[in-house]
């Protein structure tokens, strides 16, 4: 899992080659130019591809962290975690 420009670090290792990923919207063009083997997805807060997930900015990282909680512990635990954090999750979820 990476947040914001952390996708650049994952891409440099080759972990994102041939799969979808996202990064902070301010860096879309730079990322696309630098990593031709990564399918950059512009728009969603986060992108999941099997065990690897990337998120846009800070709030997107919160969304993705809650998605990871949901993935491993279920929707109820993720919803309770968001409630405890006083965070309202986005109703728009990326297609997985």
PDB file of N, CA and C in Angstrom:
ATOM      1  N   UNK A   1       0.851  -1.177   0.000  1.00  0.00           N
ATOM      2  CA  UNK A   1       0.000   0.000   0.000  1.00  0.00           C
ATOM      3  C   UNK A   1       0.893   1.235   0.000  1.00  0.00           C
ATOM      4  N   UNK A   2       0.528   2.176  -0.877  1.00  0.00           N
ATOM      5  CA  UNK A   2       1.223   3.456  -0.875  1.00  0.00           C
ATOM      6  C   UNK A   2       0.204   4.580  -0.923  1.00  0.00           C
ATOM      7  N   UNK A   3       0.616   5.730  -0.433  1.00  0.00           N
ATOM      8  CA  UNK A   3      -0.228   6.924  -0.430  1.00  0.00           C
ATOM      9  C   UNK A   3       0.560   8.050  -1.094  1.00  0.00           C
ATOM     10  N   UNK A   4      -0.137   8.831  -1.910  1.00  0.00           N
ATOM     11  CA  UNK A   4       0.435  10.005  -2.560  1.00  0.00           C
ATOM     12  C   UNK A   4       1.592   9.595  -3.460  1.00  0.00           C
ATOM     13  N   UNK A   5       2.724  10.247  -3.317  1.00  0.00           N
ATOM     14  CA  UNK A   5       3.844   9.947  -4.205  1.00  0.00           C
ATOM     15  C   UNK A   5       4.599   8.676  -3.807  1.00  0.00           C
ATOM     16  N   UNK A   6       4.089   7.963  -2.825  1.00  0.00           N
ATOM     17  CA  UNK A   6       4.649   6.652  -2.501  1.00  0.00           C
ATOM     18  C   UNK A   6       4.560   5.708  -3.682  1.00  0.00           C
ATOM     19  N   UNK A   7       3.620   5.962  -4.597  1.00  0.00           N
ATOM     20  CA  UNK A   7       3.508   5.137  -5.800  1.00  0.00           C
ATOM     21  C   UNK A   7       4.787   5.215  -6.638  1.00  0.00           C
ATOM     22  N   UNK A   8       5.469   6.350  -6.582  1.00  0.00           N
ATOM     23  CA  UNK A   8       6.740   6.478  -7.298  1.00  0.00           C
ATOM     24  C   UNK A   8       7.756   5.468  -6.764  1.00  0.00           C
ATOM     25  N   UNK A   9       7.780   5.294  -5.451  1.00  0.00           N
ATOM     26  CA  UNK A   9       8.725   4.337  -4.847  1.00  0.00           C
ATOM     27  C   UNK A   9       8.389   2.911  -5.259  1.00  0.00           C
ATOM     28  N   UNK A  10       7.109   2.570  -5.214  1.00  0.00           N
ATOM     29  CA  UNK A  10       6.710   1.221  -5.632  1.00  0.00           C
ATOM     30  C   UNK A  10       7.026   0.997  -7.101  1.00  0.00           C
ATOM     31  N   UNK A  11       6.761   2.016  -7.925  1.00  0.00           N
ATOM     32  CA  UNK A  11       7.028   1.884  -9.361  1.00  0.00           C
ATOM     33  C   UNK A  11       8.515   1.706  -9.632  1.00  0.00           C
ATOM     34  N   UNK A  12       9.358   2.393  -8.899  1.00  0.00           N
ATOM     35  CA  UNK A  12      10.811   2.272  -9.101  1.00  0.00           C
ATOM     36  C   UNK A  12      11.327   0.866  -8.799  1.00  0.00           C
ATOM     37  N   UNK A  13      10.622   0.155  -7.943  1.00  0.00           N
ATOM     38  CA  UNK A  13      11.028  -1.222  -7.631  1.00  0.00           C
ATOM     39  C   UNK A  13      10.540  -2.215  -8.675  1.00  0.00           C
ATOM     40  N   UNK A  14       9.625  -1.773  -9.544  1.00  0.00           N
ATOM     41  CA  UNK A  14       9.047  -2.670 -10.544  1.00  0.00           C
ATOM     42  C   UNK A  14       7.765  -3.349 -10.076  1.00  0.00           C
ATOM     43  N   UNK A  15       7.366  -3.117  -8.833  1.00  0.00           N
ATOM     44  CA  UNK A  15       6.163  -3.771  -8.304  1.00  0.00           C
ATOM     45  C   UNK A  15       4.891  -3.388  -9.034  1.00  0.00           C
ATOM     46  N   UNK A  16       4.881  -2.242  -9.687  1.00  0.00           N
ATOM     47  CA  UNK A  16       3.670  -1.781 -10.369  1.00  0.00           C
ATOM     48  C   UNK A  16       3.690  -2.059 -11.872  1.00  0.00           C
ATOM     49  N   UNK A  17       4.768  -2.640 -12.375  1.00  0.00           N
ATOM     50  CA  UNK A  17       4.851  -2.919 -13.811  1.00  0.00           C
ATOM     51  C   UNK A  17       3.691  -3.810 -14.260  1.00  0.00           C
ATOM     52  N   UNK A  18       2.999  -3.348 -15.288  1.00  0.00           N
ATOM     53  CA  UNK A  18       1.924  -4.145 -15.879  1.00  0.00           C
ATOM     54  C   UNK A  18       0.605  -4.115 -15.138  1.00  0.00           C
ATOM     55  N   UNK A  19       0.504  -3.311 -14.089  1.00  0.00           N
ATOM     56  CA  UNK A  19      -0.758  -3.255 -13.343  1.00  0.00           C
ATOM     57  C   UNK A  19      -1.244  -1.809 -13.225  1.00  0.00           C
ATOM     58  N   UNK A  20      -2.420  -1.649 -12.662  1.00  0.00           N
ATOM     59  CA  UNK A  20      -2.991  -0.329 -12.459  1.00  0.00           C
ATOM     60  C   UNK A  20      -2.503   0.277 -11.152  1.00  0.00           C
ATOM     61  N   UNK A  21      -2.413   1.605 -11.147  1.00  0.00           N
ATOM     62  CA  UNK A  21      -1.994   2.324  -9.946  1.00  0.00           C
ATOM     63  C   UNK A  21      -2.454   3.770 -10.067  1.00  0.00           C
ATOM     64  N   UNK A  22      -2.448   4.471  -8.945  1.00  0.00           N
ATOM     65  CA  UNK A  22      -2.732   5.899  -8.951  1.00  0.00           C
ATOM     66  C   UNK A  22      -1.757   6.605  -8.019  1.00  0.00           C
ATOM     67  N   UNK A  23      -1.782   7.920  -8.063  1.00  0.00           N
ATOM     68  CA  UNK A  23      -0.943   8.752  -7.221  1.00  0.00           C
ATOM     69  C   UNK A  23      -1.680  10.069  -7.003  1.00  0.00           C
ATOM     70  N   UNK A  24      -1.068  11.001  -6.347  1.00  0.00           N
ATOM     71  CA  UNK A  24      -1.696  12.311  -6.139  1.00  0.00           C
ATOM     72  C   UNK A  24      -1.920  12.983  -7.494  1.00  0.00           C
ATOM     73  N   UNK A  25      -3.071  13.607  -7.671  1.00  0.00           N
ATOM     74  CA  UNK A  25      -3.442  14.187  -8.964  1.00  0.00           C
ATOM     75  C   UNK A  25      -2.442  15.220  -9.484  1.00  0.00           C
ATOM     76  N   UNK A  26      -1.756  15.888  -8.594  1.00  0.00           N
ATOM     77  CA  UNK A  26      -0.770  16.884  -9.010  1.00  0.00           C
ATOM     78  C   UNK A  26       0.407  16.241  -9.760  1.00  0.00           C
ATOM     79  N   UNK A  27       0.629  14.959  -9.542  1.00  0.00           N
ATOM     80  CA  UNK A  27       1.781  14.262 -10.108  1.00  0.00           C
ATOM     81  C   UNK A  27       1.419  13.261 -11.212  1.00  0.00           C
ATOM     82  N   UNK A  28       0.162  13.260 -11.676  1.00  0.00           N
ATOM     83  CA  UNK A  28      -0.255  12.319 -12.721  1.00  0.00           C
ATOM     84  C   UNK A  28       0.669  12.345 -13.937  1.00  0.00           C
ATOM     85  N   UNK A  29       0.874  13.527 -14.496  1.00  0.00           N
ATOM     86  CA  UNK A  29       1.660  13.617 -15.733  1.00  0.00           C
ATOM     87  C   UNK A  29       3.100  13.161 -15.530  1.00  0.00           C
ATOM     88  N   UNK A  30       3.701  13.583 -14.441  1.00  0.00           N
ATOM     89  CA  UNK A  30       5.075  13.168 -14.149  1.00  0.00           C
ATOM     90  C   UNK A  30       5.162  11.656 -14.004  1.00  0.00           C
ATOM     91  N   UNK A  31       4.216  11.066 -13.283  1.00  0.00           N
ATOM     92  CA  UNK A  31       4.205   9.621 -13.075  1.00  0.00           C
ATOM     93  C   UNK A  31       4.059   8.894 -14.406  1.00  0.00           C
ATOM     94  N   UNK A  32       3.108   9.356 -15.226  1.00  0.00           N
ATOM     95  CA  UNK A  32       2.857   8.710 -16.519  1.00  0.00           C
ATOM     96  C   UNK A  32       4.085   8.764 -17.424  1.00  0.00           C
ATOM     97  N   UNK A  33       4.815   9.862 -17.396  1.00  0.00           N
ATOM     98  CA  UNK A  33       6.021   9.998 -18.222  1.00  0.00           C
ATOM     99  C   UNK A  33       7.155   9.114 -17.722  1.00  0.00           C
ATOM    100  N   UNK A  34       7.248   8.985 -16.412  1.00  0.00           N
ATOM    101  CA  UNK A  34       8.374   8.246 -15.820  1.00  0.00           C
ATOM    102  C   UNK A  34       8.172   6.734 -15.822  1.00  0.00           C
ATOM    103  N   UNK A  35       6.922   6.294 -15.711  1.00  0.00           N
ATOM    104  CA  UNK A  35       6.663   4.856 -15.555  1.00  0.00           C
ATOM    105  C   UNK A  35       5.732   4.358 -16.655  1.00  0.00           C
ATOM    106  N   UNK A  36       6.307   4.105 -17.804  1.00  0.00           N
ATOM    107  CA  UNK A  36       5.541   3.699 -18.981  1.00  0.00           C
ATOM    108  C   UNK A  36       4.936   2.304 -18.846  1.00  0.00           C
ATOM    109  N   UNK A  37       5.481   1.481 -17.954  1.00  0.00           N
ATOM    110  CA  UNK A  37       4.982   0.114 -17.779  1.00  0.00           C
ATOM    111  C   UNK A  37       3.868  -0.003 -16.742  1.00  0.00           C
ATOM    112  N   UNK A  38       3.445   1.138 -16.191  1.00  0.00           N
ATOM    113  CA  UNK A  38       2.378   1.156 -15.183  1.00  0.00           C
ATOM    114  C   UNK A  38       1.151   1.792 -15.811  1.00  0.00           C
ATOM    115  N   UNK A  39       0.001   1.173 -15.617  1.00  0.00           N
ATOM    116  CA  UNK A  39      -1.253   1.729 -16.130  1.00  0.00           C
ATOM    117  C   UNK A  39      -1.799   2.715 -15.094  1.00  0.00           C
ATOM    118  N   UNK A  40      -1.517   4.000 -15.309  1.00  0.00           N
ATOM    119  CA  UNK A  40      -1.957   5.037 -14.382  1.00  0.00           C
ATOM    120  C   UNK A  40      -3.459   5.235 -14.507  1.00  0.00           C
ATOM    121  N   UNK A  41      -4.147   5.206 -13.378  1.00  0.00           N
ATOM    122  CA  UNK A  41      -5.586   5.458 -13.330  1.00  0.00           C
ATOM    123  C   UNK A  41      -5.782   6.823 -12.691  1.00  0.00           C
ATOM    124  N   UNK A  42      -6.382   7.723 -13.449  1.00  0.00           N
ATOM    125  CA  UNK A  42      -6.620   9.084 -12.969  1.00  0.00           C
ATOM    126  C   UNK A  42      -8.052   9.189 -12.453  1.00  0.00           C
ATOM    127  N   UNK A  43      -8.203   9.717 -11.259  1.00  0.00           N
ATOM    128  CA  UNK A  43      -9.554   9.976 -10.761  1.00  0.00           C
ATOM    129  C   UNK A  43      -9.937   9.328  -9.449  1.00  0.00           C
ATOM    130  N   UNK A  44      -9.887   8.000  -9.351  1.00  0.00           N
ATOM    131  CA  UNK A  44     -10.363   7.406  -8.101  1.00  0.00           C
ATOM    132  C   UNK A  44      -9.422   7.694  -6.933  1.00  0.00           C
ATOM    133  N   UNK A  45      -9.979   7.647  -5.739  1.00  0.00           N
ATOM    134  CA  UNK A  45      -9.159   7.906  -4.557  1.00  0.00           C
ATOM    135  C   UNK A  45      -8.088   6.845  -4.356  1.00  0.00           C
ATOM    136  N   UNK A  46      -8.404   5.614  -4.740  1.00  0.00           N
ATOM    137  CA  UNK A  46      -7.407   4.553  -4.634  1.00  0.00           C
ATOM    138  C   UNK A  46      -7.671   3.497  -5.691  1.00  0.00           C
ATOM    139  N   UNK A  47      -6.653   2.678  -5.916  1.00  0.00           N
ATOM    140  CA  UNK A  47      -6.723   1.586  -6.876  1.00  0.00           C
ATOM    141  C   UNK A  47      -6.157   0.343  -6.212  1.00  0.00           C
ATOM    142  N   UNK A  48      -6.862  -0.759  -6.352  1.00  0.00           N
ATOM    143  CA  UNK A  48      -6.378  -2.039  -5.828  1.00  0.00           C
ATOM    144  C   UNK A  48      -6.055  -2.955  -6.991  1.00  0.00           C
ATOM    145  N   UNK A  49      -4.981  -3.679  -6.862  1.00  0.00           N
ATOM    146  CA  UNK A  49      -4.632  -4.702  -7.837  1.00  0.00           C
ATOM    147  C   UNK A  49      -4.035  -5.861  -7.048  1.00  0.00           C
ATOM    148  N   UNK A  50      -4.846  -6.874  -6.844  1.00  0.00           N
ATOM    149  CA  UNK A  50      -4.442  -8.016  -6.010  1.00  0.00           C
ATOM    150  C   UNK A  50      -3.986  -7.524  -4.635  1.00  0.00           C
ATOM    151  N   UNK A  51      -2.738  -7.776  -4.282  1.00  0.00           N
ATOM    152  CA  UNK A  51      -2.237  -7.387  -2.952  1.00  0.00           C
ATOM    153  C   UNK A  51      -1.620  -6.004  -2.918  1.00  0.00           C
ATOM    154  N   UNK A  52      -1.555  -5.328  -4.036  1.00  0.00           N
ATOM    155  CA  UNK A  52      -0.943  -4.007  -4.096  1.00  0.00           C
ATOM    156  C   UNK A  52      -2.033  -2.955  -4.270  1.00  0.00           C
ATOM    157  N   UNK A  53      -1.950  -1.891  -3.484  1.00  0.00           N
ATOM    158  CA  UNK A  53      -2.940  -0.815  -3.568  1.00  0.00           C
ATOM    159  C   UNK A  53      -2.226   0.524  -3.464  1.00  0.00           C
ATOM    160  N   UNK A  54      -2.715   1.491  -4.240  1.00  0.00           N
ATOM    161  CA  UNK A  54      -2.141   2.833  -4.230  1.00  0.00           C
ATOM    162  C   UNK A  54      -3.261   3.843  -4.042  1.00  0.00           C
ATOM    163  N   UNK A  55      -2.960   4.927  -3.350  1.00  0.00           N
ATOM    164  CA  UNK A  55      -3.955   5.969  -3.083  1.00  0.00           C
ATOM    165  C   UNK A  55      -3.408   7.318  -3.519  1.00  0.00           C
ATOM    166  N   UNK A  56      -4.328   8.268  -3.745  1.00  0.00           N
ATOM    167  CA  UNK A  56      -3.953   9.617  -4.162  1.00  0.00           C
ATOM    168  C   UNK A  56      -3.288  10.385  -3.027  1.00  0.00           C
ATOM    169  N   UNK A  57      -4.014  11.291  -2.399  1.00  0.00           N
ATOM    170  CA  UNK A  57      -3.455  12.117  -1.331  1.00  0.00           C
ATOM    171  C   UNK A  57      -3.799  11.601   0.052  1.00  0.00           C
ATOM    172  N   UNK A  58      -3.699  12.477   1.020  1.00  0.00           N
ATOM    173  CA  UNK A  58      -3.885  12.105   2.429  1.00  0.00           C
ATOM    174  C   UNK A  58      -5.263  11.495   2.701  1.00  0.00           C
ATOM    175  N   UNK A  59      -6.302  12.173   2.281  1.00  0.00           N
ATOM    176  CA  UNK A  59      -7.652  11.656   2.521  1.00  0.00           C
ATOM    177  C   UNK A  59      -7.868  10.359   1.766  1.00  0.00           C
ATOM    178  N   UNK A  60      -7.306  10.271   0.579  1.00  0.00           N
ATOM    179  CA  UNK A  60      -7.388   9.024  -0.179  1.00  0.00           C
ATOM    180  C   UNK A  60      -6.708   7.890   0.573  1.00  0.00           C
ATOM    181  N   UNK A  61      -5.626   8.210   1.263  1.00  0.00           N
ATOM    182  CA  UNK A  61      -4.932   7.210   2.068  1.00  0.00           C
ATOM    183  C   UNK A  61      -5.788   6.708   3.222  1.00  0.00           C
ATOM    184  N   UNK A  62      -6.561   7.593   3.807  1.00  0.00           N
ATOM    185  CA  UNK A  62      -7.492   7.182   4.861  1.00  0.00           C
ATOM    186  C   UNK A  62      -8.533   6.230   4.274  1.00  0.00           C
ATOM    187  N   UNK A  63      -9.061   6.590   3.102  1.00  0.00           N
ATOM    188  CA  UNK A  63     -10.033   5.717   2.424  1.00  0.00           C
ATOM    189  C   UNK A  63      -9.439   4.339   2.176  1.00  0.00           C
ATOM    190  N   UNK A  64      -8.207   4.312   1.672  1.00  0.00           N
ATOM    191  CA  UNK A  64      -7.572   3.033   1.384  1.00  0.00           C
ATOM    192  C   UNK A  64      -7.281   2.247   2.661  1.00  0.00           C
ATOM    193  N   UNK A  65      -6.846   2.930   3.704  1.00  0.00           N
ATOM    194  CA  UNK A  65      -6.594   2.243   4.973  1.00  0.00           C
ATOM    195  C   UNK A  65      -7.874   1.585   5.489  1.00  0.00           C
ATOM    196  N   UNK A  66      -8.989   2.289   5.366  1.00  0.00           N
ATOM    197  CA  UNK A  66     -10.272   1.705   5.786  1.00  0.00           C
ATOM    198  C   UNK A  66     -10.668   0.550   4.875  1.00  0.00           C
ATOM    199  N   UNK A  67     -10.323   0.635   3.609  1.00  0.00           N
ATOM    200  CA  UNK A  67     -10.578  -0.478   2.683  1.00  0.00           C
ATOM    201  C   UNK A  67      -9.764  -1.694   3.089  1.00  0.00           C
ATOM    202  N   UNK A  68      -8.525  -1.488   3.513  1.00  0.00           N
ATOM    203  CA  UNK A  68      -7.690  -2.603   3.961  1.00  0.00           C
ATOM    204  C   UNK A  68      -8.303  -3.237   5.212  1.00  0.00           C
ATOM    205  N   UNK A  69      -8.770  -2.416   6.140  1.00  0.00           N
ATOM    206  CA  UNK A  69      -9.463  -2.938   7.323  1.00  0.00           C
ATOM    207  C   UNK A  69     -10.675  -3.747   6.876  1.00  0.00           C
ATOM    208  N   UNK A  70     -11.446  -3.207   5.955  1.00  0.00           N
ATOM    209  CA  UNK A  70     -12.629  -3.909   5.446  1.00  0.00           C
ATOM    210  C   UNK A  70     -12.247  -5.241   4.802  1.00  0.00           C
ATOM    211  N   UNK A  71     -11.187  -5.222   4.023  1.00  0.00           N
ATOM    212  CA  UNK A  71     -10.761  -6.430   3.319  1.00  0.00           C
ATOM    213  C   UNK A  71     -10.404  -7.567   4.284  1.00  0.00           C
ATOM    214  N   UNK A  72      -9.728  -7.233   5.374  1.00  0.00           N
ATOM    215  CA  UNK A  72      -9.263  -8.268   6.293  1.00  0.00           C
ATOM    216  C   UNK A  72     -10.213  -8.547   7.452  1.00  0.00           C
ATOM    217  N   UNK A  73     -11.016  -7.549   7.840  1.00  0.00           N
ATOM    218  CA  UNK A  73     -11.851  -7.714   9.035  1.00  0.00           C
ATOM    219  C   UNK A  73     -13.340  -7.508   8.796  1.00  0.00           C
ATOM    220  N   UNK A  74     -13.724  -7.112   7.592  1.00  0.00           N
ATOM    221  CA  UNK A  74     -15.135  -6.974   7.256  1.00  0.00           C
ATOM    222  C   UNK A  74     -15.636  -5.535   7.321  1.00  0.00           C
ATOM    223  N   UNK A  75     -16.791  -5.346   6.703  1.00  0.00           N
ATOM    224  CA  UNK A  75     -17.380  -4.012   6.590  1.00  0.00           C
ATOM    225  C   UNK A  75     -17.768  -3.422   7.940  1.00  0.00           C
ATOM    226  N   UNK A  76     -18.268  -4.251   8.844  1.00  0.00           N
ATOM    227  CA  UNK A  76     -18.665  -3.728  10.159  1.00  0.00           C
ATOM    228  C   UNK A  76     -17.480  -3.134  10.920  1.00  0.00           C
ATOM    229  N   UNK A  77     -16.356  -3.819  10.892  1.00  0.00           N
ATOM    230  CA  UNK A  77     -15.166  -3.312  11.592  1.00  0.00           C
ATOM    231  C   UNK A  77     -14.676  -2.033  10.922  1.00  0.00           C
ATOM    232  N   UNK A  78     -14.676  -1.994   9.589  1.00  0.00           N
ATOM    233  CA  UNK A  78     -14.260  -0.784   8.880  1.00  0.00           C
ATOM    234  C   UNK A  78     -15.203   0.379   9.194  1.00  0.00           C
ATOM    235  N   UNK A  79     -16.495   0.110   9.219  1.00  0.00           N
ATOM    236  CA  UNK A  79     -17.480   1.159   9.532  1.00  0.00           C
ATOM    237  C   UNK A  79     -17.291   1.661  10.960  1.00  0.00           C
ATOM    238  N   UNK A  80     -17.060   0.762  11.896  1.00  0.00           N
ATOM    239  CA  UNK A  80     -16.838   1.163  13.287  1.00  0.00           C
ATOM    240  C   UNK A  80     -15.532   1.937  13.444  1.00  0.00           C
ATOM    241  N   UNK A  81     -14.525   1.539  12.699  1.00  0.00           N
ATOM    242  CA  UNK A  81     -13.248   2.262  12.734  1.00  0.00           C
ATOM    243  C   UNK A  81     -13.441   3.686  12.220  1.00  0.00           C
ATOM    244  N   UNK A  82     -14.132   3.820  11.097  1.00  0.00           N
ATOM    245  CA  UNK A  82     -14.399   5.157  10.540  1.00  0.00           C
ATOM    246  C   UNK A  82     -15.210   5.998  11.518  1.00  0.00           C
ATOM    247  N   UNK A  83     -16.190   5.381  12.149  1.00  0.00           N
ATOM    248  CA  UNK A  83     -17.015   6.100  13.134  1.00  0.00           C
ATOM    249  C   UNK A  83     -16.165   6.581  14.305  1.00  0.00           C
ATOM    250  N   UNK A  84     -15.295   5.704  14.805  1.00  0.00           N
ATOM    251  CA  UNK A  84     -14.432   6.064  15.924  1.00  0.00           C
ATOM    252  C   UNK A  84     -13.512   7.224  15.552  1.00  0.00           C
ATOM    253  N   UNK A  85     -13.060   7.241  14.305  1.00  0.00           N
ATOM    254  CA  UNK A  85     -12.184   8.305  13.815  1.00  0.00           C
ATOM    255  C   UNK A  85     -12.958   9.591  13.486  1.00  0.00           C
ATOM    256  N   UNK A  86     -14.292   9.502  13.542  1.00  0.00           N
ATOM    257  CA  UNK A  86     -15.162  10.601  13.117  1.00  0.00           C
ATOM    258  C   UNK A  86     -14.896  10.965  11.663  1.00  0.00           C
ATOM    259  N   UNK A  87     -14.770   9.924  10.835  1.00  0.00           N
ATOM    260  CA  UNK A  87     -14.482  10.067   9.415  1.00  0.00           C
ATOM    261  C   UNK A  87     -15.649   9.505   8.613  1.00  0.00           C
ATOM    262  N   UNK A  88     -16.124  10.256   7.648  1.00  0.00           N
ATOM    263  CA  UNK A  88     -17.197   9.794   6.773  1.00  0.00           C
ATOM    264  C   UNK A  88     -16.571   9.290   5.480  1.00  0.00           C
ATOM    265  N   UNK A  89     -16.767   8.006   5.224  1.00  0.00           N
ATOM    266  CA  UNK A  89     -16.199   7.403   4.016  1.00  0.00           C
ATOM    267  C   UNK A  89     -16.915   7.901   2.768  1.00  0.00           C
ATOM    268  N   UNK A  90     -16.183   7.976   1.695  1.00  0.00           N
ATOM    269  CA  UNK A  90     -16.754   8.368   0.410  1.00  0.00           C
ATOM    270  C   UNK A  90     -17.706   7.279  -0.066  1.00  0.00           C
ATOM    271  N   UNK A  91     -18.866   7.657  -0.576  1.00  0.00           N
ATOM    272  CA  UNK A  91     -19.783   6.650  -1.112  1.00  0.00           C
ATOM    273  C   UNK A  91     -19.293   6.080  -2.450  1.00  0.00           C
ATOM    274  N   UNK A  92     -18.349   6.767  -3.094  1.00  0.00           N
ATOM    275  CA  UNK A  92     -17.802   6.306  -4.363  1.00  0.00           C
ATOM    276  C   UNK A  92     -16.610   5.408  -4.099  1.00  0.00           C
ATOM    277  N   UNK A  93     -16.743   4.146  -4.474  1.00  0.00           N
ATOM    278  CA  UNK A  93     -15.660   3.187  -4.292  1.00  0.00           C
ATOM    279  C   UNK A  93     -15.134   2.778  -5.670  1.00  0.00           C
ATOM    280  N   UNK A  94     -13.845   2.663  -5.825  1.00  0.00           N
ATOM    281  CA  UNK A  94     -13.292   2.217  -7.107  1.00  0.00           C
ATOM    282  C   UNK A  94     -13.754   0.811  -7.451  1.00  0.00           C
ATOM    283  N   UNK A  95     -13.860   0.537  -8.720  1.00  0.00           N
ATOM    284  CA  UNK A  95     -14.169  -0.815  -9.174  1.00  0.00           C
ATOM    285  C   UNK A  95     -12.955  -1.669  -8.908  1.00  0.00           C
ATOM    286  N   UNK A  96     -13.181  -2.838  -8.356  1.00  0.00           N
ATOM    287  CA  UNK A  96     -12.058  -3.716  -8.016  1.00  0.00           C
ATOM    288  C   UNK A  96     -11.954  -4.857  -8.991  1.00  0.00           C
TER     289      UNK A  96
END
